[in-house]
Amino acid sequence: SRQCRVCSNGHGLPRTYGPGSRQCRVCSNGHGLIRKYGLNLCRQCFGEYAADIGFKKYK
């Protein structure tokens, strides 16, 4: 059977909630997402871009 290209769940409807509906805005990875403050970055990309965004490491 054919799957919908836009749909991540394979049932013909786009996924609008749950872990499969979100991905990193930089690398499109779905694992280890930091969603706080609307960042939507995976932890690897957050470590790479944290200083550019304005986060400071105190330790």
PDB file of N, CA and C in Angstrom:
ATOM      1  N   SER A   1       0.828  -1.188   0.000  1.00  0.00           N
ATOM      2  CA  SER A   1       0.000   0.000   0.000  1.00  0.00           C
ATOM      3  C   SER A   1       0.871   1.251   0.000  1.00  0.00           C
ATOM      4  N   ARG A   2       0.345   2.337  -0.536  1.00  0.00           N
ATOM      5  CA  ARG A   2       1.098   3.587  -0.647  1.00  0.00           C
ATOM      6  C   ARG A   2       0.902   4.431   0.598  1.00  0.00           C
ATOM      7  N   GLN A   3       1.969   5.100   1.000  1.00  0.00           N
ATOM      8  CA  GLN A   3       1.899   5.971   2.161  1.00  0.00           C
ATOM      9  C   GLN A   3       1.851   7.423   1.726  1.00  0.00           C
ATOM     10  N   CYS A   4       1.240   8.240   2.529  1.00  0.00           N
ATOM     11  CA  CYS A   4       1.192   9.674   2.287  1.00  0.00           C
ATOM     12  C   CYS A   4       2.572  10.262   2.557  1.00  0.00           C
ATOM     13  N   ARG A   5       3.108  11.059   1.641  1.00  0.00           N
ATOM     14  CA  ARG A   5       4.447  11.631   1.808  1.00  0.00           C
ATOM     15  C   ARG A   5       4.503  12.660   2.932  1.00  0.00           C
ATOM     16  N   VAL A   6       3.440  13.423   3.076  1.00  0.00           N
ATOM     17  CA  VAL A   6       3.402  14.475   4.092  1.00  0.00           C
ATOM     18  C   VAL A   6       3.177  13.881   5.480  1.00  0.00           C
ATOM     19  N   CYS A   7       2.563  12.712   5.534  1.00  0.00           N
ATOM     20  CA  CYS A   7       2.143  12.133   6.801  1.00  0.00           C
ATOM     21  C   CYS A   7       3.255  11.289   7.402  1.00  0.00           C
ATOM     22  N   SER A   8       3.524  11.513   8.681  1.00  0.00           N
ATOM     23  CA  SER A   8       4.557  10.733   9.340  1.00  0.00           C
ATOM     24  C   SER A   8       3.993   9.482   9.990  1.00  0.00           C
ATOM     25  N   ASN A   9       2.674   9.363  10.063  1.00  0.00           N
ATOM     26  CA  ASN A   9       2.098   8.205  10.728  1.00  0.00           C
ATOM     27  C   ASN A   9       1.605   7.139   9.752  1.00  0.00           C
ATOM     28  N   GLY A  10       1.581   7.420   8.461  1.00  0.00           N
ATOM     29  CA  GLY A  10       1.204   6.420   7.471  1.00  0.00           C
ATOM     30  C   GLY A  10      -0.282   6.157   7.370  1.00  0.00           C
ATOM     31  N   HIS A  11      -1.110   6.997   7.941  1.00  0.00           N
ATOM     32  CA  HIS A  11      -2.549   6.785   7.903  1.00  0.00           C
ATOM     33  C   HIS A  11      -3.283   7.837   7.091  1.00  0.00           C
ATOM     34  N   GLY A  12      -2.565   8.655   6.337  1.00  0.00           N
ATOM     35  CA  GLY A  12      -3.215   9.637   5.491  1.00  0.00           C
ATOM     36  C   GLY A  12      -3.510  10.961   6.167  1.00  0.00           C
ATOM     37  N   LEU A  13      -3.171  11.078   7.443  1.00  0.00           N
ATOM     38  CA  LEU A  13      -3.396  12.327   8.165  1.00  0.00           C
ATOM     39  C   LEU A  13      -2.073  12.816   8.738  1.00  0.00           C
ATOM     40  N   PRO A  14      -1.809  14.106   8.665  1.00  0.00           N
ATOM     41  CA  PRO A  14      -0.564  14.620   9.245  1.00  0.00           C
ATOM     42  C   PRO A  14      -0.601  14.535  10.766  1.00  0.00           C
ATOM     43  N   ARG A  15       0.543  14.290  11.351  1.00  0.00           N
ATOM     44  CA  ARG A  15       0.629  14.195  12.806  1.00  0.00           C
ATOM     45  C   ARG A  15       0.704  15.604  13.384  1.00  0.00           C
ATOM     46  N   THR A  16      -0.218  15.947  14.258  1.00  0.00           N
ATOM     47  CA  THR A  16      -0.292  17.304  14.788  1.00  0.00           C
ATOM     48  C   THR A  16       0.131  17.398  16.246  1.00  0.00           C
ATOM     49  N   TYR A  17       0.252  16.279  16.944  1.00  0.00           N
ATOM     50  CA  TYR A  17       0.671  16.307  18.341  1.00  0.00           C
ATOM     51  C   TYR A  17       1.457  15.043  18.641  1.00  0.00           C
ATOM     52  N   GLY A  18       2.147  15.023  19.765  1.00  0.00           N
ATOM     53  CA  GLY A  18       2.962  13.887  20.146  1.00  0.00           C
ATOM     54  C   GLY A  18       4.390  14.058  19.677  1.00  0.00           C
ATOM     55  N   PRO A  19       5.263  13.127  20.080  1.00  0.00           N
ATOM     56  CA  PRO A  19       6.684  13.267  19.760  1.00  0.00           C
ATOM     57  C   PRO A  19       6.999  13.216  18.270  1.00  0.00           C
ATOM     58  N   GLY A  20       6.186  12.557  17.473  1.00  0.00           N
ATOM     59  CA  GLY A  20       6.461  12.466  16.044  1.00  0.00           C
ATOM     60  C   GLY A  20       6.139  13.724  15.268  1.00  0.00           C
ATOM     61  N   SER A  21       5.496  14.682  15.922  1.00  0.00           N
ATOM     62  CA  SER A  21       5.084  15.898  15.218  1.00  0.00           C
ATOM     63  C   SER A  21       6.132  16.994  15.284  1.00  0.00           C
ATOM     64  N   ARG A  22       7.180  16.803  16.094  1.00  0.00           N
ATOM     65  CA  ARG A  22       8.167  17.865  16.305  1.00  0.00           C
ATOM     66  C   ARG A  22       9.541  17.406  15.863  1.00  0.00           C
ATOM     67  N   GLN A  23      10.333  18.359  15.396  1.00  0.00           N
ATOM     68  CA  GLN A  23      11.703  18.056  14.995  1.00  0.00           C
ATOM     69  C   GLN A  23      12.563  19.290  15.186  1.00  0.00           C
ATOM     70  N   CYS A  24      13.870  19.080  15.186  1.00  0.00           N
ATOM     71  CA  CYS A  24      14.820  20.174  15.340  1.00  0.00           C
ATOM     72  C   CYS A  24      14.711  21.110  14.147  1.00  0.00           C
ATOM     73  N   ARG A  25      14.744  22.416  14.414  1.00  0.00           N
ATOM     74  CA  ARG A  25      14.617  23.387  13.323  1.00  0.00           C
ATOM     75  C   ARG A  25      15.893  23.503  12.505  1.00  0.00           C
ATOM     76  N   VAL A  26      17.015  22.957  13.003  1.00  0.00           N
ATOM     77  CA  VAL A  26      18.284  23.038  12.279  1.00  0.00           C
ATOM     78  C   VAL A  26      18.529  21.772  11.466  1.00  0.00           C
ATOM     79  N   CYS A  27      18.483  20.608  12.139  1.00  0.00           N
ATOM     80  CA  CYS A  27      18.891  19.364  11.474  1.00  0.00           C
ATOM     81  C   CYS A  27      17.735  18.395  11.250  1.00  0.00           C
ATOM     82  N   SER A  28      16.531  18.740  11.653  1.00  0.00           N
ATOM     83  CA  SER A  28      15.329  17.911  11.482  1.00  0.00           C
ATOM     84  C   SER A  28      15.377  16.605  12.254  1.00  0.00           C
ATOM     85  N   ASN A  29      16.206  16.526  13.279  1.00  0.00           N
ATOM     86  CA  ASN A  29      16.258  15.352  14.140  1.00  0.00           C
ATOM     87  C   ASN A  29      15.084  15.403  15.108  1.00  0.00           C
ATOM     88  N   GLY A  30      14.555  14.240  15.469  1.00  0.00           N
ATOM     89  CA  GLY A  30      13.415  14.207  16.367  1.00  0.00           C
ATOM     90  C   GLY A  30      13.748  13.794  17.781  1.00  0.00           C
ATOM     91  N   HIS A  31      15.009  13.471  18.061  1.00  0.00           N
ATOM     92  CA  HIS A  31      15.402  12.960  19.374  1.00  0.00           C
ATOM     93  C   HIS A  31      16.136  14.025  20.174  1.00  0.00           C
ATOM     94  N   GLY A  32      15.891  14.065  21.474  1.00  0.00           N
ATOM     95  CA  GLY A  32      16.588  14.989  22.360  1.00  0.00           C
ATOM     96  C   GLY A  32      16.213  16.437  22.135  1.00  0.00           C
ATOM     97  N   LEU A  33      14.934  16.693  21.880  1.00  0.00           N
ATOM     98  CA  LEU A  33      14.495  18.056  21.571  1.00  0.00           C
ATOM     99  C   LEU A  33      14.413  18.924  22.815  1.00  0.00           C
ATOM    100  N   ILE A  34      14.867  20.149  22.704  1.00  0.00           N
ATOM    101  CA  ILE A  34      14.700  21.158  23.739  1.00  0.00           C
ATOM    102  C   ILE A  34      13.604  22.095  23.250  1.00  0.00           C
ATOM    103  N   ARG A  35      12.436  21.993  23.874  1.00  0.00           N
ATOM    104  CA  ARG A  35      11.271  22.762  23.438  1.00  0.00           C
ATOM    105  C   ARG A  35      11.042  23.994  24.284  1.00  0.00           C
ATOM    106  N   LYS A  36      11.756  24.112  25.380  1.00  0.00           N
ATOM    107  CA  LYS A  36      11.547  25.230  26.297  1.00  0.00           C
ATOM    108  C   LYS A  36      11.817  26.546  25.589  1.00  0.00           C
ATOM    109  N   TYR A  37      11.009  27.546  25.902  1.00  0.00           N
ATOM    110  CA  TYR A  37      11.072  28.880  25.297  1.00  0.00           C
ATOM    111  C   TYR A  37      10.855  28.846  23.787  1.00  0.00           C
ATOM    112  N   GLY A  38      10.279  27.762  23.261  1.00  0.00           N
ATOM    113  CA  GLY A  38      10.029  27.674  21.830  1.00  0.00           C
ATOM    114  C   GLY A  38      11.278  27.477  20.999  1.00  0.00           C
ATOM    115  N   LEU A  39      12.337  26.912  21.606  1.00  0.00           N
ATOM    116  CA  LEU A  39      13.594  26.728  20.874  1.00  0.00           C
ATOM    117  C   LEU A  39      13.461  25.689  19.770  1.00  0.00           C
ATOM    118  N   ASN A  40      12.884  24.535  20.100  1.00  0.00           N
ATOM    119  CA  ASN A  40      12.744  23.420  19.159  1.00  0.00           C
ATOM    120  C   ASN A  40      14.071  23.065  18.503  1.00  0.00           C
ATOM    121  N   LEU A  41      15.090  22.876  19.335  1.00  0.00           N
ATOM    122  CA  LEU A  41      16.414  22.450  18.881  1.00  0.00           C
ATOM    123  C   LEU A  41      16.748  21.127  19.543  1.00  0.00           C
ATOM    124  N   CYS A  42      17.436  20.246  18.827  1.00  0.00           N
ATOM    125  CA  CYS A  42      17.923  19.041  19.477  1.00  0.00           C
ATOM    126  C   CYS A  42      19.115  19.429  20.351  1.00  0.00           C
ATOM    127  N   ARG A  43      19.491  18.551  21.274  1.00  0.00           N
ATOM    128  CA  ARG A  43      20.522  18.912  22.244  1.00  0.00           C
ATOM    129  C   ARG A  43      21.872  19.139  21.584  1.00  0.00           C
ATOM    130  N   GLN A  44      22.148  18.456  20.473  1.00  0.00           N
ATOM    131  CA  GLN A  44      23.417  18.660  19.780  1.00  0.00           C
ATOM    132  C   GLN A  44      23.474  20.046  19.150  1.00  0.00           C
ATOM    133  N   CYS A  45      22.416  20.448  18.482  1.00  0.00           N
ATOM    134  CA  CYS A  45      22.382  21.773  17.852  1.00  0.00           C
ATOM    135  C   CYS A  45      22.334  22.872  18.901  1.00  0.00           C
ATOM    136  N   PHE A  46      21.669  22.604  20.034  1.00  0.00           N
ATOM    137  CA  PHE A  46      21.632  23.604  21.095  1.00  0.00           C
ATOM    138  C   PHE A  46      23.037  23.860  21.628  1.00  0.00           C
ATOM    139  N   GLY A  47      23.817  22.811  21.821  1.00  0.00           N
ATOM    140  CA  GLY A  47      25.192  22.989  22.282  1.00  0.00           C
ATOM    141  C   GLY A  47      26.027  23.779  21.298  1.00  0.00           C
ATOM    142  N   GLU A  48      25.729  23.630  20.030  1.00  0.00           N
ATOM    143  CA  GLU A  48      26.484  24.323  18.985  1.00  0.00           C
ATOM    144  C   GLU A  48      26.091  25.799  18.881  1.00  0.00           C
ATOM    145  N   TYR A  49      24.801  26.103  19.047  1.00  0.00           N
ATOM    146  CA  TYR A  49      24.306  27.455  18.816  1.00  0.00           C
ATOM    147  C   TYR A  49      23.943  28.206  20.096  1.00  0.00           C
ATOM    148  N   ALA A  50      24.180  27.628  21.265  1.00  0.00           N
ATOM    149  CA  ALA A  50      23.743  28.244  22.522  1.00  0.00           C
ATOM    150  C   ALA A  50      24.344  29.629  22.720  1.00  0.00           C
ATOM    151  N   ALA A  51      25.623  29.793  22.450  1.00  0.00           N
ATOM    152  CA  ALA A  51      26.266  31.098  22.642  1.00  0.00           C
ATOM    153  C   ALA A  51      25.706  32.129  21.662  1.00  0.00           C
ATOM    154  N   ASP A  52      25.404  31.717  20.451  1.00  0.00           N
ATOM    155  CA  ASP A  52      24.840  32.637  19.458  1.00  0.00           C
ATOM    156  C   ASP A  52      23.441  33.108  19.863  1.00  0.00           C
ATOM    157  N   ILE A  53      22.677  32.216  20.504  1.00  0.00           N
ATOM    158  CA  ILE A  53      21.322  32.552  20.923  1.00  0.00           C
ATOM    159  C   ILE A  53      21.363  33.499  22.121  1.00  0.00           C
ATOM    160  N   GLY A  54      22.392  33.356  22.966  1.00  0.00           N
ATOM    161  CA  GLY A  54      22.505  34.224  24.139  1.00  0.00           C
ATOM    162  C   GLY A  54      22.566  33.483  25.455  1.00  0.00           C
ATOM    163  N   PHE A  55      22.673  32.158  25.414  1.00  0.00           N
ATOM    164  CA  PHE A  55      22.806  31.378  26.636  1.00  0.00           C
ATOM    165  C   PHE A  55      24.261  31.399  27.078  1.00  0.00           C
ATOM    166  N   LYS A  56      24.472  31.488  28.402  1.00  0.00           N
ATOM    167  CA  LYS A  56      25.825  31.516  28.947  1.00  0.00           C
ATOM    168  C   LYS A  56      26.036  30.314  29.843  1.00  0.00           C
ATOM    169  N   LYS A  57      27.230  29.755  29.798  1.00  0.00           N
ATOM    170  CA  LYS A  57      27.590  28.624  30.633  1.00  0.00           C
ATOM    171  C   LYS A  57      28.307  29.166  31.863  1.00  0.00           C
ATOM    172  N   TYR A  58      27.775  28.886  33.045  1.00  0.00           N
ATOM    173  CA  TYR A  58      28.338  29.447  34.264  1.00  0.00           C
ATOM    174  C   TYR A  58      29.330  28.518  34.954  1.00  0.00           C
ATOM    175  N   LYS A  59      29.397  27.271  34.589  1.00  0.00           N
ATOM    176  CA  LYS A  59      30.351  26.348  35.202  1.00  0.00           C
ATOM    177  C   LYS A  59      31.299  25.799  34.179  1.00  0.00           C
TER     178      LYS A  59
END
